[in-house]
Amino acid sequence: MSRFRACVLLASTLAVATLPQACGRVRATADEAELAQQRKTRAVEFRSETKESFEGLLERMAKHAESGRPLDILVLSGGGDYGAFGAGVLNGWRSATGEFALPEFDAISGVSAGALIAPFAFLGTAAAGPGVAATADDLGQLEALFRNPKPDWIRSRGVLGFLPDNESLAEIPGLERELRNALDADHIRRIAAEGVKGRRLYVNTTDLDLGAARPFEMTSAARLAIDTGEAGRFHNILLASAGIPGAFPSREIDGALYVDGGVSSNIIYGAWNSRENSFPALFRARYPKLPTPRIRYWVIVNNQVQTPARTVQPGWISVVQRSVEVAIRASTVTSLRHLLSFAQTISLRGDADVEVRWIAIPEEWRPPVEGVFVKETMNDLVDLGRKLGADPSSWRRGDP
């Protein structure tokens, strides 16, 4: 995805610098006071959603504590077409047994490409339990999606795409179609049903109006889609999270404009701001007689941790492309390190027993064919992910 973002940045810079602003779709402009009020309102809404979300997870963890099960959380990073790796990991993981068997995840978070993977991972593990392989249908559907990119997934607007009144350089009619077909009314009903059990599905987006990350809890979004009979908002959240800025269309949801969640955070994992309001603290207050919670994070990085080295030419295009690529990788590594430090702190305090395991595309891997959404490369990544996902030794615990 970094390659696409670099192109977007270059195109946007060129367009703004050389062309006058034209009259495309225009949104009403809010003044500073209105924006301040929107920030307060959305903060209240988000806190309310978070509280409701925690309620289900607390009850679920209490049941786990009685049976000795950990709370399992899957974290899926962005990565564009490299999301094929994550699809492969999940399918290979189904053959693992014992401690490393694919669990029924209590919570899943996804960003960008990870957001597109997340609903399938959420449903694909719905019938699983400790040591029990997940059903193949949803994960198989996910793999088939990444193995077979279609020519119309991305359609360039041509040279006119550089005009600043266009909403994006490209359209994504095929990707929109396949997402809506794959996540149809039946899938949305199943996601909502899992939410009733206390399981949670999170997708990160970036609110451009307020300039901040905006995670959405998708079992709630699924319930709303069922109640209203309209799935557009549900799909738009996923498309917003995967909406590479400038390259893909932005999405207006509930009056705000959203783009790729990777802009604000390429992985999300629910770190809390204060100890007293933390998940373990709330659990202890409600269930003082139950054992200390055990939480396992499983992080799939849909990219390499290190940026592959290469000689960069001094021209501004090469410099900007490389800089964007490095920035995205670096922010992902920083977030992963924060999660590892966060888990260590929580464990040392005795608030919870938190483990973090992560997996990424090996540093030595190189794409067999250059380009974006290339079938040969995506299939190679699925195969690689399958191989690593089936091997428990692929999971790492140290700093990247």
Protein backbone atom coordinates (compact mmCIF):
# COMPACT_ATOMS: atom_id res chain seq x y z
CA MET A 1 0.00 0.00 0.00
CA SER A 2 2.91 2.35 0.58
CA ARG A 3 3.61 2.28 -3.15
CA PHE A 4 0.08 3.45 -3.87
CA ARG A 5 0.19 6.13 -1.22
CA ALA A 6 3.40 7.50 -2.65
CA CYS A 7 1.76 7.86 -6.06
CA VAL A 8 -1.21 9.57 -4.44
CA LEU A 9 0.96 12.06 -2.62
CA LEU A 10 2.86 12.88 -5.78
CA ALA A 11 -0.30 13.31 -7.82
CA SER A 12 -1.95 15.49 -5.18
CA THR A 13 1.13 17.71 -4.89
CA LEU A 14 1.31 18.14 -8.65
CA ALA A 15 -2.39 18.86 -8.97
CA VAL A 16 -2.51 21.44 -6.21
CA ALA A 17 0.66 23.13 -7.38
CA THR A 18 -0.23 23.42 -11.06
CA LEU A 19 -3.99 23.47 -11.45
CA PRO A 20 -6.74 25.82 -10.23
CA GLN A 21 -9.38 24.52 -7.90
CA ALA A 22 -12.49 23.40 -9.79
CA CYS A 23 -16.06 22.78 -8.72
CA GLY A 24 -16.60 19.15 -7.78
CA ARG A 25 -18.80 17.92 -4.97
CA VAL A 26 -18.73 20.52 -2.20
CA ARG A 27 -19.60 19.93 1.45
CA ALA A 28 -20.96 22.65 3.70
CA THR A 29 -18.11 24.28 5.61
CA ALA A 30 -18.40 24.26 9.40
CA ASP A 31 -16.93 27.15 11.40
CA GLU A 32 -14.54 26.66 14.30
CA ALA A 33 -17.29 26.61 16.92
CA GLU A 34 -19.28 24.00 15.01
CA LEU A 35 -16.20 21.82 14.59
CA ALA A 36 -15.43 22.10 18.31
CA GLN A 37 -18.97 20.97 19.09
CA GLN A 38 -18.66 18.09 16.63
CA ARG A 39 -15.48 16.98 18.38
CA LYS A 40 -17.26 16.95 21.74
CA THR A 41 -20.31 15.14 20.35
CA ARG A 42 -18.27 12.46 18.62
CA ALA A 43 -16.12 11.98 21.71
CA VAL A 44 -19.24 11.33 23.78
CA GLU A 45 -20.55 8.93 21.14
CA PHE A 46 -17.24 7.07 21.03
CA ARG A 47 -17.04 6.76 24.83
CA SER A 48 -20.58 5.39 24.89
CA GLU A 49 -19.75 2.87 22.17
CA THR A 50 -16.57 1.85 24.02
CA LYS A 51 -18.45 1.35 27.29
CA GLU A 52 -21.07 -0.81 25.59
CA SER A 53 -18.34 -2.72 23.81
CA PHE A 54 -16.49 -3.39 27.07
CA GLU A 55 -19.66 -4.68 28.73
CA GLY A 56 -19.92 -7.62 26.37
CA LEU A 57 -16.21 -8.40 26.60
CA LEU A 58 -16.24 -8.26 30.41
CA GLU A 59 -19.06 -10.81 30.58
CA ARG A 60 -17.28 -12.98 28.04
CA MET A 61 -14.00 -12.82 29.98
CA ALA A 62 -15.80 -13.82 33.18
CA LYS A 63 -17.00 -16.99 31.47
CA HIS A 64 -13.49 -17.60 30.17
CA ALA A 65 -11.98 -17.14 33.63
CA GLU A 66 -14.23 -19.82 35.03
CA SER A 67 -13.16 -22.25 32.32
CA GLY A 68 -9.50 -21.23 32.19
CA ARG A 69 -9.67 -19.77 28.65
CA PRO A 70 -7.74 -16.61 27.72
CA LEU A 71 -9.31 -13.63 25.98
CA ASP A 72 -7.96 -13.84 22.41
CA ILE A 73 -7.57 -10.67 20.34
CA LEU A 74 -6.56 -10.63 16.66
CA VAL A 75 -4.94 -7.46 15.32
CA LEU A 76 -4.71 -7.04 11.52
CA SER A 77 -2.56 -4.29 10.03
CA GLY A 78 -2.94 -2.49 6.74
CA GLY A 79 -0.89 -3.50 3.72
CA GLY A 80 -2.90 -3.05 0.51
CA ASP A 81 -2.48 -6.01 -1.81
CA TYR A 82 -0.07 -7.49 0.73
CA GLY A 83 -3.18 -8.32 2.76
CA ALA A 84 -2.99 -11.56 0.77
CA PHE A 85 -0.37 -12.60 3.33
CA GLY A 86 -2.85 -12.26 6.21
CA ALA A 87 -5.47 -14.24 4.31
CA GLY A 88 -2.92 -17.01 3.87
CA VAL A 89 -1.84 -16.94 7.52
CA LEU A 90 -5.41 -17.40 8.74
CA ASN A 91 -6.03 -20.33 6.41
CA GLY A 92 -2.73 -22.01 7.26
CA TRP A 93 -3.40 -21.44 10.96
CA ARG A 94 -6.43 -23.72 10.76
CA SER A 95 -4.12 -26.76 10.69
CA ALA A 96 -2.25 -25.81 13.89
CA THR A 97 -3.08 -27.64 17.13
CA GLY A 98 -2.54 -27.28 20.84
CA GLU A 99 -1.64 -23.91 22.34
CA PHE A 100 -1.21 -22.40 18.88
CA ALA A 101 -4.50 -23.64 17.43
CA LEU A 102 -6.62 -21.00 15.73
CA PRO A 103 -8.87 -19.73 18.54
CA GLU A 104 -12.32 -18.25 18.46
CA PHE A 105 -11.28 -14.63 18.73
CA ASP A 106 -13.12 -12.59 21.31
CA ALA A 107 -12.17 -9.36 19.57
CA ILE A 108 -10.70 -8.57 16.16
CA SER A 109 -9.41 -5.24 14.91
CA GLY A 110 -8.52 -4.40 11.33
CA VAL A 111 -7.08 -1.40 9.54
CA SER A 112 -7.18 -0.76 5.78
CA ALA A 113 -6.52 -4.14 4.11
CA GLY A 114 -6.84 -5.62 7.60
CA ALA A 115 -10.34 -4.13 7.79
CA LEU A 116 -11.35 -6.09 4.69
CA ILE A 117 -9.90 -9.28 6.19
CA ALA A 118 -11.42 -8.77 9.65
CA PRO A 119 -15.11 -9.69 8.99
CA PHE A 120 -14.12 -12.98 7.37
CA ALA A 121 -11.73 -13.79 10.21
CA PHE A 122 -14.49 -12.90 12.68
CA LEU A 123 -16.99 -15.27 11.09
CA GLY A 124 -14.44 -17.88 10.10
CA THR A 125 -13.61 -18.55 13.72
CA ALA A 126 -17.16 -18.40 15.02
CA ALA A 127 -17.50 -22.18 15.29
CA ALA A 128 -14.03 -22.74 16.74
CA GLY A 129 -12.88 -23.41 20.27
CA PRO A 130 -9.62 -24.33 21.99
CA GLY A 131 -7.92 -26.92 19.80
CA VAL A 132 -10.79 -26.94 17.31
CA ALA A 133 -10.20 -25.81 13.72
CA ALA A 134 -12.44 -23.04 12.41
CA THR A 135 -14.96 -23.58 9.68
CA ALA A 136 -13.36 -23.30 6.27
CA ASP A 137 -16.09 -21.45 4.38
CA ASP A 138 -15.47 -17.85 5.45
CA LEU A 139 -11.70 -18.14 5.54
CA GLY A 140 -11.77 -20.00 2.23
CA GLN A 141 -13.87 -17.20 0.76
CA LEU A 142 -11.33 -14.68 2.05
CA GLU A 143 -8.44 -16.55 0.44
CA ALA A 144 -10.27 -16.84 -2.88
CA LEU A 145 -10.87 -13.10 -2.84
CA PHE A 146 -7.16 -12.31 -2.49
CA ARG A 147 -6.08 -15.00 -4.93
CA ASN A 148 -8.24 -13.62 -7.70
CA PRO A 149 -7.90 -9.84 -8.07
CA LYS A 150 -10.09 -8.53 -10.87
CA PRO A 151 -9.04 -5.93 -13.48
CA ASP A 152 -11.84 -3.59 -12.43
CA TRP A 153 -10.98 -3.60 -8.73
CA ILE A 154 -9.17 -0.36 -9.48
CA ARG A 155 -10.03 1.77 -12.51
CA SER A 156 -7.99 4.85 -13.28
CA ARG A 157 -9.77 8.06 -14.16
CA GLY A 158 -6.99 8.71 -16.68
CA VAL A 159 -5.10 11.97 -17.07
CA LEU A 160 -8.17 13.87 -15.86
CA GLY A 161 -7.78 12.12 -12.53
CA PHE A 162 -5.17 14.74 -11.68
CA LEU A 163 -7.77 17.50 -11.73
CA PRO A 164 -8.33 18.73 -8.17
CA ASP A 165 -12.12 18.58 -8.42
CA ASN A 166 -11.97 14.79 -8.75
CA GLU A 167 -12.52 12.89 -5.53
CA SER A 168 -9.77 10.39 -6.32
CA LEU A 169 -7.27 9.36 -8.95
CA ALA A 170 -9.05 6.05 -9.35
CA GLU A 171 -12.44 4.44 -8.90
CA ILE A 172 -12.89 1.02 -7.31
CA PRO A 173 -16.10 -0.37 -8.84
CA GLY A 174 -14.92 -3.98 -8.78
CA LEU A 175 -13.71 -3.87 -5.20
CA GLU A 176 -16.97 -2.26 -4.08
CA ARG A 177 -18.98 -4.92 -5.94
CA GLU A 178 -17.03 -7.86 -4.54
CA LEU A 179 -17.11 -6.52 -0.99
CA ARG A 180 -20.88 -6.06 -1.08
CA ASN A 181 -21.41 -9.48 -2.64
CA ALA A 182 -19.07 -11.21 -0.20
CA LEU A 183 -20.46 -9.45 2.88
CA ASP A 184 -24.14 -9.80 2.04
CA ALA A 185 -27.19 -9.65 4.31
CA ASP A 186 -26.56 -13.16 5.64
CA HIS A 187 -22.97 -12.33 6.63
CA ILE A 188 -24.10 -9.10 8.30
CA ARG A 189 -26.75 -10.99 10.30
CA ARG A 190 -24.13 -13.50 11.43
CA ILE A 191 -21.78 -10.70 12.52
CA ALA A 192 -24.57 -9.11 14.56
CA ALA A 193 -25.38 -12.49 16.14
CA GLU A 194 -21.76 -12.92 17.26
CA GLY A 195 -21.93 -9.47 18.84
CA VAL A 196 -24.80 -10.66 21.05
CA LYS A 197 -22.38 -13.25 22.44
CA GLY A 198 -20.02 -10.47 23.52
CA ARG A 199 -17.56 -10.81 20.66
CA ARG A 200 -16.37 -7.55 19.12
CA LEU A 201 -15.17 -6.49 15.68
CA TYR A 202 -13.35 -3.16 15.29
CA VAL A 203 -12.34 -1.28 12.16
CA ASN A 204 -10.21 1.86 12.22
CA THR A 205 -10.83 4.81 9.93
CA THR A 206 -9.47 8.37 9.84
CA ASP A 207 -11.87 11.26 10.40
CA LEU A 208 -10.47 13.97 8.12
CA ASP A 209 -12.72 16.71 9.52
CA LEU A 210 -11.45 16.26 13.08
CA GLY A 211 -8.05 14.92 12.09
CA ALA A 212 -8.21 11.84 14.28
CA ALA A 213 -8.55 8.08 14.31
CA ARG A 214 -12.13 6.81 14.47
CA PRO A 215 -12.56 3.12 15.26
CA PHE A 216 -16.03 1.69 14.53
CA GLU A 217 -17.42 -1.37 16.33
CA MET A 218 -18.86 -3.43 13.50
CA THR A 219 -21.23 -5.78 15.34
CA SER A 220 -23.12 -2.61 16.32
CA ALA A 221 -22.92 -1.40 12.74
CA ALA A 222 -24.28 -4.78 11.64
CA ARG A 223 -27.23 -4.49 14.05
CA LEU A 224 -28.01 -1.03 12.69
CA ALA A 225 -27.89 -2.37 9.13
CA ILE A 226 -30.39 -5.08 10.07
CA ASP A 227 -32.70 -2.65 11.90
CA THR A 228 -32.74 -0.16 9.02
CA GLY A 229 -32.57 -2.69 6.20
CA GLU A 230 -29.72 -0.65 4.72
CA ALA A 231 -26.19 -2.09 4.54
CA GLY A 232 -24.58 0.92 2.85
CA ARG A 233 -23.15 2.38 6.06
CA PHE A 234 -21.66 -0.97 7.07
CA HIS A 235 -19.91 -1.37 3.73
CA ASN A 236 -18.83 2.27 3.62
CA ILE A 237 -17.00 1.93 6.95
CA LEU A 238 -14.94 -0.92 5.52
CA LEU A 239 -14.33 0.94 2.26
CA ALA A 240 -13.35 4.08 4.19
CA SER A 241 -10.81 2.14 6.24
CA ALA A 242 -9.27 0.80 3.01
CA GLY A 243 -9.64 4.11 1.13
CA ILE A 244 -6.08 5.08 0.22
CA PRO A 245 -6.17 8.91 0.40
CA GLY A 246 -6.43 10.48 -3.01
CA ALA A 247 -6.20 7.17 -4.85
CA PHE A 248 -9.56 5.78 -3.73
CA PRO A 249 -12.74 7.77 -3.02
CA SER A 250 -13.25 9.07 0.50
CA ARG A 251 -16.48 8.12 2.28
CA GLU A 252 -18.95 10.38 4.04
CA ILE A 253 -20.43 8.59 7.07
CA ASP A 254 -22.82 10.22 9.54
CA GLY A 255 -21.85 13.66 8.20
CA ALA A 256 -18.06 13.26 8.50
CA LEU A 257 -15.48 12.50 5.82
CA TYR A 258 -13.36 9.37 6.30
CA VAL A 259 -10.33 7.79 4.63
CA ASP A 260 -7.79 5.04 5.24
CA GLY A 261 -7.41 4.06 8.89
CA GLY A 262 -3.70 3.57 8.30
CA VAL A 263 -3.28 7.36 8.16
CA SER A 264 -3.99 7.63 11.89
CA SER A 265 -2.93 4.17 13.12
CA ASN A 266 -1.97 1.11 11.07
CA ILE A 267 -2.85 -1.23 13.94
CA ILE A 268 -5.32 -0.73 16.80
CA TYR A 269 -5.34 -2.77 19.99
CA GLY A 270 -7.38 -0.94 22.62
CA ALA A 271 -4.67 0.50 24.86
CA TRP A 272 -6.32 2.45 27.65
CA ASN A 273 -5.32 5.87 28.96
CA SER A 274 -5.68 5.40 32.71
CA ARG A 275 -5.18 2.38 34.93
CA GLU A 276 -8.44 2.89 36.84
CA ASN A 277 -10.49 2.83 33.64
CA SER A 278 -8.60 -0.04 32.08
CA PHE A 279 -10.22 -3.27 31.02
CA PRO A 280 -8.47 -5.31 33.79
CA ALA A 281 -9.50 -2.75 36.44
CA LEU A 282 -13.13 -2.86 35.35
CA PHE A 283 -12.97 -6.66 35.36
CA ARG A 284 -11.55 -6.79 38.90
CA ALA A 285 -14.15 -4.33 40.19
CA ARG A 286 -16.98 -6.41 38.78
CA TYR A 287 -15.57 -9.88 39.39
CA PRO A 288 -13.25 -9.60 42.43
CA LYS A 289 -13.30 -13.35 43.14
CA LEU A 290 -12.32 -14.49 39.67
CA PRO A 291 -8.68 -15.14 38.66
CA THR A 292 -6.48 -12.48 37.08
CA PRO A 293 -7.46 -12.13 33.42
CA ARG A 294 -5.28 -13.74 30.77
CA ILE A 295 -5.20 -11.89 27.44
CA ARG A 296 -3.48 -13.00 24.23
CA TYR A 297 -2.83 -10.61 21.35
CA TRP A 298 -2.14 -12.13 17.93
CA VAL A 299 -0.83 -9.50 15.49
CA ILE A 300 -0.61 -10.11 11.74
CA VAL A 301 1.51 -7.46 10.02
CA ASN A 302 0.59 -7.47 6.34
CA ASN A 303 3.99 -6.25 5.29
CA GLN A 304 7.66 -6.58 6.11
CA VAL A 305 8.78 -4.93 9.31
CA GLN A 306 11.94 -3.50 7.78
CA THR A 307 11.79 -1.47 4.59
CA PRO A 308 13.83 -3.35 1.96
CA ALA A 309 17.07 -1.49 1.24
CA ARG A 310 17.68 -0.03 -2.21
CA THR A 311 19.56 2.83 -3.84
CA VAL A 312 17.35 5.94 -4.06
CA GLN A 313 17.93 8.56 -6.74
CA PRO A 314 18.00 12.22 -5.63
CA GLY A 315 15.05 13.33 -7.78
CA TRP A 316 12.10 14.63 -5.78
CA ILE A 317 9.71 11.94 -7.02
CA SER A 318 12.03 9.14 -5.86
CA VAL A 319 12.68 10.90 -2.56
CA VAL A 320 8.99 11.45 -1.78
CA GLN A 321 8.02 7.90 -2.76
CA ARG A 322 10.70 6.41 -0.56
CA SER A 323 9.93 8.74 2.34
CA VAL A 324 6.25 7.79 2.40
CA GLU A 325 7.15 4.10 2.28
CA VAL A 326 9.58 4.45 5.19
CA ALA A 327 7.13 6.55 7.23
CA ILE A 328 4.35 3.97 7.02
CA ARG A 329 6.62 1.06 7.98
CA ALA A 330 8.14 3.06 10.84
CA SER A 331 4.75 4.00 12.30
CA THR A 332 3.66 0.36 12.23
CA VAL A 333 6.82 -0.74 14.04
CA THR A 334 6.36 2.01 16.63
CA SER A 335 2.79 0.88 17.31
CA LEU A 336 3.87 -2.74 17.62
CA ARG A 337 6.61 -1.79 20.07
CA HIS A 338 4.08 0.22 22.06
CA LEU A 339 1.79 -2.79 22.27
CA LEU A 340 4.65 -4.96 23.52
CA SER A 341 5.61 -2.37 26.16
CA PHE A 342 1.98 -1.92 27.12
CA ALA A 343 1.54 -5.67 27.62
CA GLN A 344 4.70 -5.87 29.72
CA THR A 345 3.56 -2.99 31.94
CA ILE A 346 0.12 -4.47 32.53
CA SER A 347 1.64 -7.85 33.36
CA LEU A 348 4.26 -6.42 35.74
CA ARG A 349 1.56 -4.49 37.59
CA GLY A 350 -0.33 -7.72 38.07
CA ASP A 351 -3.46 -6.27 36.46
CA ALA A 352 -3.60 -9.02 33.85
CA ASP A 353 -1.44 -11.67 32.24
CA VAL A 354 -0.93 -10.27 28.74
CA GLU A 355 0.93 -12.05 25.94
CA VAL A 356 1.70 -10.62 22.50
CA ARG A 357 2.66 -12.73 19.50
CA TRP A 358 3.19 -11.29 16.04
CA ILE A 359 3.96 -12.44 12.53
CA ALA A 360 5.06 -10.53 9.42
CA ILE A 361 6.23 -11.09 5.87
CA PRO A 362 9.86 -12.28 6.09
CA GLU A 363 12.48 -9.64 5.35
CA GLU A 364 14.06 -11.70 2.57
CA TRP A 365 10.82 -12.05 0.59
CA ARG A 366 10.55 -10.11 -2.67
CA PRO A 367 7.53 -9.86 -5.01
CA PRO A 368 7.87 -12.24 -7.98
CA VAL A 369 6.25 -9.62 -10.24
CA GLU A 370 6.42 -5.87 -9.66
CA GLY A 371 3.19 -3.89 -9.53
CA VAL A 372 0.10 -3.42 -7.39
CA PHE A 373 -2.67 -6.05 -7.09
CA VAL A 374 -0.72 -8.43 -9.32
CA LYS A 375 -2.18 -11.94 -9.24
CA GLU A 376 1.18 -13.76 -9.20
CA THR A 377 2.45 -11.73 -6.27
CA MET A 378 -0.76 -12.02 -4.28
CA ASN A 379 -0.87 -15.79 -4.78
CA ASP A 380 2.76 -16.04 -3.70
CA LEU A 381 1.89 -14.14 -0.53
CA VAL A 382 -1.13 -16.35 0.19
CA ASP A 383 1.07 -19.44 -0.18
CA LEU A 384 3.74 -17.93 2.06
CA GLY A 385 1.13 -16.98 4.66
CA ARG A 386 -0.34 -20.47 4.60
CA LYS A 387 3.07 -22.00 5.23
CA LEU A 388 3.93 -19.67 8.12
CA GLY A 389 0.45 -19.78 9.62
CA ALA A 390 0.62 -23.55 9.93
CA ASP A 391 3.98 -23.37 11.75
CA PRO A 392 3.77 -22.25 15.41
CA SER A 393 7.43 -21.24 15.37
CA SER A 394 6.56 -18.42 12.94
CA TRP A 395 5.03 -16.40 15.77
CA ARG A 396 7.46 -13.95 17.41
CA ARG A 397 7.36 -12.36 20.85
CA GLY A 398 10.36 -10.00 20.91
CA ASP A 399 10.68 -6.42 19.70
CA PRO A 400 10.68 -5.97 15.92
